[in-house]
Amino acid sequence: MSETADLRLWQIVEDAAAHVTDEAGRFRRGDLEAELRERLAGEDLDVHVRAAAVGKLAGSLVRGFGERRSPKPRRRASMFHPQGILKLGGGVWVWMEHATPTDLLEWGRLSTRNLAKVAVAEADRQDYVAERLDAFRLHSGLTHLGELERAVYGYTGPDPADFGGGGQEP
């Protein structure tokens, strides 16, 4: 997938998101998906942009397939299902029917590493929320996060590397 095609796809998504955003800055995922489907179906896309879209669709379907086939810890009898999939890292998956003890060990280790990453990310998120809520209490005249970030934390503009280079503010 070319970088140009990828950038064009993300621009189509950005434009669709802007189109479905209401005056309060909110939009629904379903509305964005519908708008995006309409734009991708109706737009005269270059071949390389359409190929990039198909590539992203394939990746999304594969991720969804992997999620549907991943063992569910809440299953009563057993997490095992012969058509279940264990994700071993590095893009390697194995059907549960054929998993070896080494595969199980690797799957368990990967799960523990992922849990640790999620815990760290969640702690960061909660720290950010608590800090911003404290700042809103101290600066009661500010009503939106954008105002707070600019006035209190010195936000000056988007970093072009944020969100894949879109760099647009709403």
N, C-alpha and C. Protein backbone atom coordinates (compact mmCIF):
# COMPACT_ATOMS: atom_id res chain seq x y z
N MET A 1 0.85 -1.17 0.00
CA MET A 1 0.00 0.00 0.00
C MET A 1 0.90 1.23 0.00
N SER A 2 0.65 2.14 -0.91
CA SER A 2 1.49 3.32 -0.99
C SER A 2 1.10 4.32 0.10
N GLU A 3 2.07 5.12 0.49
CA GLU A 3 1.80 6.13 1.51
C GLU A 3 0.77 7.13 1.01
N THR A 4 0.82 7.47 -0.26
CA THR A 4 -0.14 8.41 -0.85
C THR A 4 -1.55 7.86 -0.77
N ALA A 5 -1.72 6.59 -1.10
CA ALA A 5 -3.05 5.96 -1.05
C ALA A 5 -3.55 5.92 0.39
N ASP A 6 -2.66 5.58 1.31
CA ASP A 6 -3.03 5.52 2.72
C ASP A 6 -3.48 6.89 3.22
N LEU A 7 -2.71 7.91 2.87
CA LEU A 7 -3.08 9.27 3.27
C LEU A 7 -4.42 9.69 2.69
N ARG A 8 -4.66 9.31 1.44
CA ARG A 8 -5.94 9.66 0.80
C ARG A 8 -7.10 8.97 1.51
N LEU A 9 -6.93 7.70 1.87
CA LEU A 9 -7.99 7.00 2.60
C LEU A 9 -8.29 7.67 3.93
N TRP A 10 -7.23 8.03 4.66
CA TRP A 10 -7.44 8.67 5.95
C TRP A 10 -8.10 10.04 5.78
N GLN A 11 -7.79 10.73 4.68
CA GLN A 11 -8.44 12.02 4.43
C GLN A 11 -9.93 11.82 4.17
N ILE A 12 -10.28 10.75 3.46
CA ILE A 12 -11.70 10.45 3.21
C ILE A 12 -12.40 10.19 4.55
N VAL A 13 -11.75 9.46 5.44
CA VAL A 13 -12.33 9.19 6.76
C VAL A 13 -12.47 10.48 7.55
N GLU A 14 -11.42 11.31 7.54
CA GLU A 14 -11.47 12.60 8.25
C GLU A 14 -12.63 13.46 7.74
N ASP A 15 -12.78 13.53 6.42
CA ASP A 15 -13.85 14.34 5.83
C ASP A 15 -15.23 13.78 6.21
N ALA A 16 -15.36 12.46 6.19
CA ALA A 16 -16.63 11.83 6.56
C ALA A 16 -16.94 12.11 8.03
N ALA A 17 -15.92 12.03 8.89
CA ALA A 17 -16.13 12.30 10.32
C ALA A 17 -16.58 13.75 10.53
N ALA A 18 -15.95 14.67 9.83
CA ALA A 18 -16.34 16.08 9.95
C ALA A 18 -17.78 16.26 9.50
N HIS A 19 -18.17 15.54 8.45
CA HIS A 19 -19.53 15.66 7.90
C HIS A 19 -20.60 15.19 8.89
N VAL A 20 -20.31 14.16 9.66
CA VAL A 20 -21.34 13.61 10.57
C VAL A 20 -21.24 14.16 11.99
N THR A 21 -20.31 15.08 12.24
CA THR A 21 -20.15 15.67 13.57
C THR A 21 -21.19 16.77 13.77
N ASP A 22 -21.86 16.73 14.93
CA ASP A 22 -22.85 17.78 15.21
C ASP A 22 -22.18 19.01 15.81
N GLU A 23 -23.00 20.04 16.08
CA GLU A 23 -22.46 21.31 16.57
C GLU A 23 -21.83 21.20 17.96
N ALA A 24 -22.14 20.13 18.70
CA ALA A 24 -21.54 19.91 20.02
C ALA A 24 -20.26 19.08 19.93
N GLY A 25 -19.84 18.75 18.70
CA GLY A 25 -18.61 18.00 18.52
C GLY A 25 -18.77 16.50 18.67
N ARG A 26 -19.99 16.01 18.61
CA ARG A 26 -20.25 14.58 18.78
C ARG A 26 -20.70 13.95 17.48
N PHE A 27 -20.39 12.66 17.35
CA PHE A 27 -20.89 11.88 16.22
C PHE A 27 -21.02 10.44 16.64
N ARG A 28 -21.81 9.68 15.90
CA ARG A 28 -22.01 8.27 16.19
C ARG A 28 -21.18 7.44 15.22
N ARG A 29 -20.60 6.39 15.78
CA ARG A 29 -19.78 5.49 14.96
C ARG A 29 -20.58 4.96 13.76
N GLY A 30 -21.81 4.55 14.00
CA GLY A 30 -22.64 4.03 12.92
C GLY A 30 -22.86 5.04 11.81
N ASP A 31 -23.03 6.30 12.18
CA ASP A 31 -23.20 7.35 11.17
C ASP A 31 -21.91 7.52 10.36
N LEU A 32 -20.77 7.45 11.05
CA LEU A 32 -19.49 7.56 10.36
C LEU A 32 -19.30 6.39 9.40
N GLU A 33 -19.61 5.19 9.86
CA GLU A 33 -19.48 4.02 8.98
C GLU A 33 -20.36 4.15 7.75
N ALA A 34 -21.60 4.59 7.94
CA ALA A 34 -22.52 4.74 6.81
C ALA A 34 -22.01 5.80 5.83
N GLU A 35 -21.55 6.91 6.36
CA GLU A 35 -21.02 7.99 5.51
C GLU A 35 -19.79 7.52 4.75
N LEU A 36 -18.93 6.78 5.44
CA LEU A 36 -17.71 6.28 4.81
C LEU A 36 -18.04 5.27 3.71
N ARG A 37 -18.97 4.36 3.99
CA ARG A 37 -19.39 3.40 2.95
C ARG A 37 -19.88 4.14 1.71
N GLU A 38 -20.69 5.16 1.94
CA GLU A 38 -21.23 5.93 0.81
C GLU A 38 -20.11 6.61 0.03
N ARG A 39 -19.17 7.19 0.73
CA ARG A 39 -18.07 7.89 0.05
C ARG A 39 -17.16 6.92 -0.70
N LEU A 40 -16.88 5.78 -0.10
CA LEU A 40 -16.00 4.81 -0.77
C LEU A 40 -16.69 4.17 -1.97
N ALA A 41 -17.98 3.95 -1.87
CA ALA A 41 -18.72 3.34 -2.98
C ALA A 41 -18.96 4.35 -4.10
N GLY A 42 -19.18 5.61 -3.73
CA GLY A 42 -19.55 6.60 -4.73
C GLY A 42 -18.39 7.39 -5.29
N GLU A 43 -17.28 7.37 -4.60
CA GLU A 43 -16.14 8.18 -5.02
C GLU A 43 -15.38 7.48 -6.13
N ASP A 44 -14.90 8.27 -7.07
CA ASP A 44 -14.09 7.74 -8.16
C ASP A 44 -12.65 7.64 -7.66
N LEU A 45 -12.36 6.54 -6.98
CA LEU A 45 -11.05 6.36 -6.36
C LEU A 45 -10.03 5.86 -7.37
N ASP A 46 -8.82 6.34 -7.24
CA ASP A 46 -7.73 5.81 -8.04
C ASP A 46 -7.54 4.34 -7.69
N VAL A 47 -7.00 3.58 -8.62
CA VAL A 47 -6.81 2.14 -8.41
C VAL A 47 -5.98 1.87 -7.17
N HIS A 48 -4.90 2.63 -6.95
CA HIS A 48 -4.05 2.38 -5.79
C HIS A 48 -4.75 2.73 -4.48
N VAL A 49 -5.66 3.71 -4.52
CA VAL A 49 -6.43 4.06 -3.31
C VAL A 49 -7.46 2.96 -3.02
N ARG A 50 -8.10 2.47 -4.06
CA ARG A 50 -9.07 1.37 -3.89
C ARG A 50 -8.34 0.12 -3.37
N ALA A 51 -7.15 -0.16 -3.88
CA ALA A 51 -6.37 -1.31 -3.41
C ALA A 51 -6.01 -1.14 -1.93
N ALA A 52 -5.69 0.07 -1.53
CA ALA A 52 -5.39 0.33 -0.12
C ALA A 52 -6.62 0.09 0.74
N ALA A 53 -7.79 0.50 0.24
CA ALA A 53 -9.03 0.29 0.98
C ALA A 53 -9.31 -1.21 1.12
N VAL A 54 -9.11 -1.95 0.06
CA VAL A 54 -9.32 -3.41 0.12
C VAL A 54 -8.32 -4.03 1.10
N GLY A 55 -7.09 -3.54 1.11
CA GLY A 55 -6.10 -4.04 2.06
C GLY A 55 -6.51 -3.79 3.50
N LYS A 56 -7.03 -2.60 3.77
CA LYS A 56 -7.50 -2.30 5.13
C LYS A 56 -8.72 -3.15 5.48
N LEU A 57 -9.60 -3.37 4.53
CA LEU A 57 -10.76 -4.22 4.77
C LEU A 57 -10.31 -5.64 5.09
N ALA A 58 -9.36 -6.15 4.32
CA ALA A 58 -8.86 -7.51 4.57
C ALA A 58 -8.24 -7.60 5.96
N GLY A 59 -7.44 -6.61 6.33
CA GLY A 59 -6.84 -6.61 7.66
C GLY A 59 -7.88 -6.58 8.76
N SER A 60 -8.91 -5.78 8.56
CA SER A 60 -9.98 -5.69 9.54
C SER A 60 -10.74 -7.02 9.66
N LEU A 61 -11.02 -7.64 8.54
CA LEU A 61 -11.72 -8.93 8.56
C LEU A 61 -10.87 -10.01 9.24
N VAL A 62 -9.58 -10.01 8.97
CA VAL A 62 -8.70 -11.00 9.60
C VAL A 62 -8.65 -10.77 11.11
N ARG A 63 -8.52 -9.50 11.54
CA ARG A 63 -8.53 -9.22 12.98
C ARG A 63 -9.83 -9.69 13.61
N GLY A 64 -10.95 -9.41 12.95
CA GLY A 64 -12.25 -9.85 13.46
C GLY A 64 -12.36 -11.36 13.53
N PHE A 65 -11.84 -12.03 12.52
CA PHE A 65 -11.83 -13.49 12.51
C PHE A 65 -11.03 -14.02 13.69
N GLY A 66 -9.86 -13.44 13.91
CA GLY A 66 -9.02 -13.86 15.03
C GLY A 66 -9.71 -13.62 16.37
N GLU A 67 -10.40 -12.50 16.50
CA GLU A 67 -11.10 -12.20 17.74
C GLU A 67 -12.25 -13.17 17.98
N ARG A 68 -12.98 -13.48 16.92
CA ARG A 68 -14.12 -14.42 17.05
C ARG A 68 -13.64 -15.81 17.43
N ARG A 69 -12.46 -16.18 16.95
CA ARG A 69 -11.94 -17.53 17.19
C ARG A 69 -11.04 -17.63 18.42
N SER A 70 -10.74 -16.52 19.07
CA SER A 70 -9.91 -16.57 20.27
C SER A 70 -10.69 -17.21 21.41
N PRO A 71 -10.01 -18.00 22.23
CA PRO A 71 -10.69 -18.63 23.37
C PRO A 71 -11.33 -17.60 24.29
N LYS A 72 -12.50 -17.93 24.77
CA LYS A 72 -13.24 -17.03 25.65
C LYS A 72 -13.12 -17.53 27.09
N PRO A 73 -12.48 -16.75 27.96
CA PRO A 73 -12.26 -17.19 29.34
C PRO A 73 -13.54 -17.45 30.11
N ARG A 74 -14.65 -16.90 29.72
CA ARG A 74 -15.89 -17.07 30.45
C ARG A 74 -16.66 -18.33 30.08
N ARG A 75 -16.15 -19.09 29.14
CA ARG A 75 -16.84 -20.33 28.77
C ARG A 75 -16.83 -21.27 29.95
N ARG A 76 -17.96 -21.88 30.25
CA ARG A 76 -18.11 -22.69 31.46
C ARG A 76 -17.29 -23.98 31.42
N ALA A 77 -17.46 -24.76 30.40
CA ALA A 77 -16.84 -26.09 30.39
C ALA A 77 -15.33 -26.01 30.16
N SER A 78 -14.93 -25.33 29.11
CA SER A 78 -13.52 -25.26 28.77
C SER A 78 -13.32 -24.15 27.76
N MET A 79 -12.14 -23.60 27.74
CA MET A 79 -11.83 -22.58 26.75
C MET A 79 -11.53 -23.23 25.40
N PHE A 80 -11.32 -24.53 25.40
CA PHE A 80 -10.94 -25.24 24.17
C PHE A 80 -12.10 -25.32 23.20
N HIS A 81 -11.76 -25.08 21.95
CA HIS A 81 -12.63 -25.39 20.82
C HIS A 81 -11.68 -25.76 19.68
N PRO A 82 -11.94 -26.86 18.97
CA PRO A 82 -10.99 -27.29 17.93
C PRO A 82 -10.73 -26.23 16.87
N GLN A 83 -11.73 -25.39 16.56
CA GLN A 83 -11.52 -24.34 15.57
C GLN A 83 -11.15 -23.01 16.22
N GLY A 84 -10.83 -23.04 17.50
CA GLY A 84 -10.34 -21.85 18.17
C GLY A 84 -8.91 -21.56 17.69
N ILE A 85 -8.49 -20.33 17.89
CA ILE A 85 -7.16 -19.90 17.44
C ILE A 85 -6.40 -19.31 18.61
N LEU A 86 -5.15 -19.73 18.76
CA LEU A 86 -4.24 -19.11 19.72
C LEU A 86 -3.30 -18.20 18.94
N LYS A 87 -3.22 -16.95 19.34
CA LYS A 87 -2.31 -15.99 18.71
C LYS A 87 -0.99 -16.06 19.46
N LEU A 88 0.07 -16.38 18.75
CA LEU A 88 1.36 -16.64 19.37
C LEU A 88 2.33 -15.47 19.26
N GLY A 89 1.94 -14.41 18.63
CA GLY A 89 2.83 -13.26 18.44
C GLY A 89 3.56 -13.35 17.11
N GLY A 90 4.03 -12.22 16.64
CA GLY A 90 4.75 -12.17 15.38
C GLY A 90 3.88 -12.57 14.19
N GLY A 91 2.57 -12.46 14.34
CA GLY A 91 1.66 -12.82 13.25
C GLY A 91 1.43 -14.31 13.09
N VAL A 92 1.91 -15.12 14.04
CA VAL A 92 1.73 -16.56 13.96
C VAL A 92 0.51 -16.95 14.80
N TRP A 93 -0.40 -17.67 14.18
CA TRP A 93 -1.58 -18.20 14.85
C TRP A 93 -1.57 -19.71 14.69
N VAL A 94 -2.20 -20.40 15.65
CA VAL A 94 -2.30 -21.85 15.56
C VAL A 94 -3.72 -22.26 15.95
N TRP A 95 -4.28 -23.19 15.18
CA TRP A 95 -5.58 -23.75 15.54
C TRP A 95 -5.41 -24.48 16.86
N MET A 96 -6.34 -24.32 17.77
CA MET A 96 -6.23 -24.95 19.08
C MET A 96 -6.08 -26.46 18.96
N GLU A 97 -6.73 -27.03 17.99
CA GLU A 97 -6.66 -28.48 17.77
C GLU A 97 -5.20 -28.95 17.65
N HIS A 98 -4.34 -28.09 17.12
CA HIS A 98 -2.96 -28.47 16.83
C HIS A 98 -1.94 -27.79 17.74
N ALA A 99 -2.40 -27.09 18.76
CA ALA A 99 -1.47 -26.38 19.65
C ALA A 99 -0.65 -27.36 20.48
N THR A 100 0.61 -27.02 20.63
CA THR A 100 1.54 -27.83 21.41
C THR A 100 1.69 -27.20 22.80
N PRO A 101 2.33 -27.91 23.74
CA PRO A 101 2.59 -27.29 25.04
C PRO A 101 3.40 -25.99 24.91
N THR A 102 4.33 -25.96 23.98
CA THR A 102 5.12 -24.74 23.74
C THR A 102 4.22 -23.61 23.26
N ASP A 103 3.26 -23.94 22.38
CA ASP A 103 2.30 -22.93 21.91
C ASP A 103 1.48 -22.38 23.07
N LEU A 104 1.00 -23.26 23.94
CA LEU A 104 0.22 -22.81 25.10
C LEU A 104 1.04 -21.89 25.99
N LEU A 105 2.29 -22.25 26.22
CA LEU A 105 3.17 -21.44 27.05
C LEU A 105 3.37 -20.05 26.43
N GLU A 106 3.63 -20.01 25.13
CA GLU A 106 3.82 -18.73 24.44
C GLU A 106 2.55 -17.90 24.46
N TRP A 107 1.41 -18.52 24.24
CA TRP A 107 0.12 -17.83 24.27
C TRP A 107 -0.11 -17.23 25.66
N GLY A 108 0.18 -17.98 26.70
CA GLY A 108 0.02 -17.48 28.06
C GLY A 108 0.95 -16.32 28.35
N ARG A 109 2.20 -16.41 27.92
CA ARG A 109 3.16 -15.32 28.13
C ARG A 109 2.72 -14.05 27.39
N LEU A 110 2.28 -14.22 26.16
CA LEU A 110 1.83 -13.08 25.39
C LEU A 110 0.62 -12.42 26.05
N SER A 111 -0.29 -13.22 26.55
CA SER A 111 -1.46 -12.69 27.23
C SER A 111 -1.05 -11.88 28.45
N THR A 112 -0.10 -12.37 29.22
CA THR A 112 0.38 -11.64 30.40
C THR A 112 1.03 -10.32 29.99
N ARG A 113 1.85 -10.34 28.94
CA ARG A 113 2.48 -9.10 28.46
C ARG A 113 1.42 -8.09 28.01
N ASN A 114 0.41 -8.58 27.30
CA ASN A 114 -0.65 -7.69 26.83
C ASN A 114 -1.44 -7.09 28.00
N LEU A 115 -1.72 -7.91 29.01
CA LEU A 115 -2.43 -7.42 30.18
C LEU A 115 -1.63 -6.31 30.87
N ALA A 116 -0.33 -6.50 30.97
CA ALA A 116 0.52 -5.48 31.60
C ALA A 116 0.48 -4.18 30.79
N LYS A 117 0.53 -4.27 29.47
CA LYS A 117 0.47 -3.07 28.63
C LYS A 117 -0.87 -2.36 28.79
N VAL A 118 -1.95 -3.14 28.85
CA VAL A 118 -3.28 -2.55 29.03
C VAL A 118 -3.37 -1.86 30.39
N ALA A 119 -2.82 -2.48 31.42
CA ALA A 119 -2.86 -1.89 32.76
C ALA A 119 -2.10 -0.57 32.79
N VAL A 120 -0.93 -0.51 32.16
CA VAL A 120 -0.15 0.72 32.11
C VAL A 120 -0.91 1.80 31.34
N ALA A 121 -1.48 1.44 30.21
CA ALA A 121 -2.24 2.41 29.41
C ALA A 121 -3.45 2.91 30.19
N GLU A 122 -4.12 2.03 30.91
CA GLU A 122 -5.29 2.44 31.69
C GLU A 122 -4.88 3.37 32.82
N ALA A 123 -3.77 3.08 33.48
CA ALA A 123 -3.28 3.97 34.55
C ALA A 123 -2.96 5.35 33.98
N ASP A 124 -2.33 5.39 32.82
CA ASP A 124 -2.04 6.68 32.17
C ASP A 124 -3.33 7.44 31.86
N ARG A 125 -4.32 6.72 31.35
CA ARG A 125 -5.60 7.34 31.01
C ARG A 125 -6.27 7.90 32.27
N GLN A 126 -6.29 7.13 33.34
CA GLN A 126 -6.93 7.59 34.56
C GLN A 126 -6.18 8.77 35.19
N ASP A 127 -4.85 8.77 35.09
CA ASP A 127 -4.07 9.91 35.57
C ASP A 127 -4.42 11.17 34.79
N TYR A 128 -4.52 11.02 33.47
CA TYR A 128 -4.87 12.15 32.61
C TYR A 128 -6.25 12.70 32.98
N VAL A 129 -7.22 11.79 33.13
CA VAL A 129 -8.58 12.21 33.47
C VAL A 129 -8.60 12.94 34.81
N ALA A 130 -7.96 12.37 35.82
CA ALA A 130 -7.95 12.99 37.15
C ALA A 130 -7.29 14.37 37.11
N GLU A 131 -6.17 14.48 36.40
CA GLU A 131 -5.46 15.75 36.30
C GLU A 131 -6.32 16.81 35.61
N ARG A 132 -6.98 16.42 34.53
CA ARG A 132 -7.81 17.38 33.80
C ARG A 132 -9.04 17.77 34.60
N LEU A 133 -9.66 16.83 35.30
CA LEU A 133 -10.82 17.18 36.12
C LEU A 133 -10.42 18.13 37.25
N ASP A 134 -9.26 17.92 37.85
CA ASP A 134 -8.76 18.86 38.86
C ASP A 134 -8.58 20.24 38.25
N ALA A 135 -8.01 20.30 37.05
CA ALA A 135 -7.80 21.58 36.38
C ALA A 135 -9.12 22.26 36.05
N PHE A 136 -10.13 21.49 35.64
CA PHE A 136 -11.46 22.09 35.39
C PHE A 136 -12.01 22.70 36.68
N ARG A 137 -11.80 22.04 37.81
CA ARG A 137 -12.28 22.58 39.09
C ARG A 137 -11.56 23.89 39.43
N LEU A 138 -10.28 23.94 39.14
CA LEU A 138 -9.51 25.17 39.43
C LEU A 138 -9.81 26.30 38.46
N HIS A 139 -10.23 25.95 37.25
CA HIS A 139 -10.49 26.93 36.19
C HIS A 139 -11.95 26.78 35.75
N SER A 140 -12.86 27.17 36.65
CA SER A 140 -14.29 26.93 36.43
C SER A 140 -14.86 27.66 35.22
N GLY A 141 -14.18 28.67 34.71
CA GLY A 141 -14.67 29.39 33.55
C GLY A 141 -14.46 28.64 32.24
N LEU A 142 -13.66 27.58 32.28
CA LEU A 142 -13.41 26.79 31.08
C LEU A 142 -14.40 25.64 31.03
N THR A 143 -15.00 25.42 29.86
CA THR A 143 -16.05 24.40 29.77
C THR A 143 -15.71 23.25 28.83
N HIS A 144 -14.69 23.40 28.00
CA HIS A 144 -14.35 22.34 27.05
C HIS A 144 -12.87 21.97 27.20
N LEU A 145 -12.57 20.72 26.94
CA LEU A 145 -11.22 20.22 27.08
C LEU A 145 -10.23 20.99 26.20
N GLY A 146 -10.65 21.34 24.99
CA GLY A 146 -9.76 22.11 24.10
C GLY A 146 -9.33 23.43 24.72
N GLU A 147 -10.29 24.12 25.34
CA GLU A 147 -9.97 25.38 26.02
C GLU A 147 -8.99 25.13 27.16
N LEU A 148 -9.24 24.12 27.95
CA LEU A 148 -8.39 23.79 29.09
C LEU A 148 -6.97 23.46 28.65
N GLU A 149 -6.86 22.62 27.62
CA GLU A 149 -5.54 22.21 27.14
C GLU A 149 -4.74 23.42 26.66
N ARG A 150 -5.41 24.34 25.98
CA ARG A 150 -4.70 25.52 25.47
C ARG A 150 -4.32 26.48 26.60
N ALA A 151 -5.27 26.75 27.49
CA ALA A 151 -5.06 27.76 28.53
C ALA A 151 -4.17 27.27 29.66
N VAL A 152 -4.33 26.05 30.06
CA VAL A 152 -3.63 25.55 31.24
C VAL A 152 -2.38 24.75 30.89
N TYR A 153 -2.47 23.96 29.84
CA TYR A 153 -1.37 23.04 29.52
C TYR A 153 -0.54 23.47 28.31
N GLY A 154 -0.90 24.62 27.71
CA GLY A 154 -0.07 25.18 26.66
C GLY A 154 -0.15 24.48 25.31
N TYR A 155 -1.23 23.78 25.04
CA TYR A 155 -1.38 23.15 23.73
C TYR A 155 -1.38 24.23 22.66
N THR A 156 -0.56 24.03 21.62
CA THR A 156 -0.44 25.05 20.57
C THR A 156 -0.87 24.57 19.20
N GLY A 157 -1.01 23.29 19.01
CA GLY A 157 -1.42 22.80 17.70
C GLY A 157 -1.05 21.35 17.53
N PRO A 158 -1.63 20.72 16.54
CA PRO A 158 -1.39 19.29 16.35
C PRO A 158 0.03 19.00 15.89
N ASP A 159 0.55 17.92 16.38
CA ASP A 159 1.82 17.39 15.90
C ASP A 159 1.48 16.61 14.63
N PRO A 160 2.17 16.88 13.51
CA PRO A 160 1.84 16.17 12.28
C PRO A 160 1.93 14.65 12.42
N ALA A 161 2.70 14.16 13.38
CA ALA A 161 2.81 12.71 13.57
C ALA A 161 1.59 12.13 14.28
N ASP A 162 0.82 12.98 14.95
CA ASP A 162 -0.38 12.49 15.65
C ASP A 162 -1.41 12.00 14.64
N PHE A 163 -2.00 10.90 14.95
CA PHE A 163 -3.10 10.34 14.16
C PHE A 163 -2.76 10.16 12.68
N GLY A 164 -1.54 9.76 12.41
CA GLY A 164 -1.17 9.41 11.05
C GLY A 164 -0.92 10.57 10.12
N GLY A 165 -0.67 11.76 10.66
CA GLY A 165 -0.28 12.87 9.81
C GLY A 165 -1.41 13.73 9.32
N GLY A 166 -2.66 13.47 9.76
CA GLY A 166 -3.79 14.28 9.30
C GLY A 166 -3.62 15.73 9.69
N GLY A 167 -3.25 15.94 10.97
CA GLY A 167 -2.92 17.27 11.44
C GLY A 167 -4.05 18.27 11.42
N GLN A 168 -5.31 17.85 11.23
CA GLN A 168 -6.40 18.80 11.20
C GLN A 168 -7.05 18.88 12.56
N GLU A 169 -7.42 20.10 12.95
CA GLU A 169 -8.19 20.27 14.16
C GLU A 169 -9.65 20.36 13.78
N PRO A 170 -10.53 19.85 14.66
CA PRO A 170 -11.96 19.93 14.35
C PRO A 170 -12.46 21.34 14.41
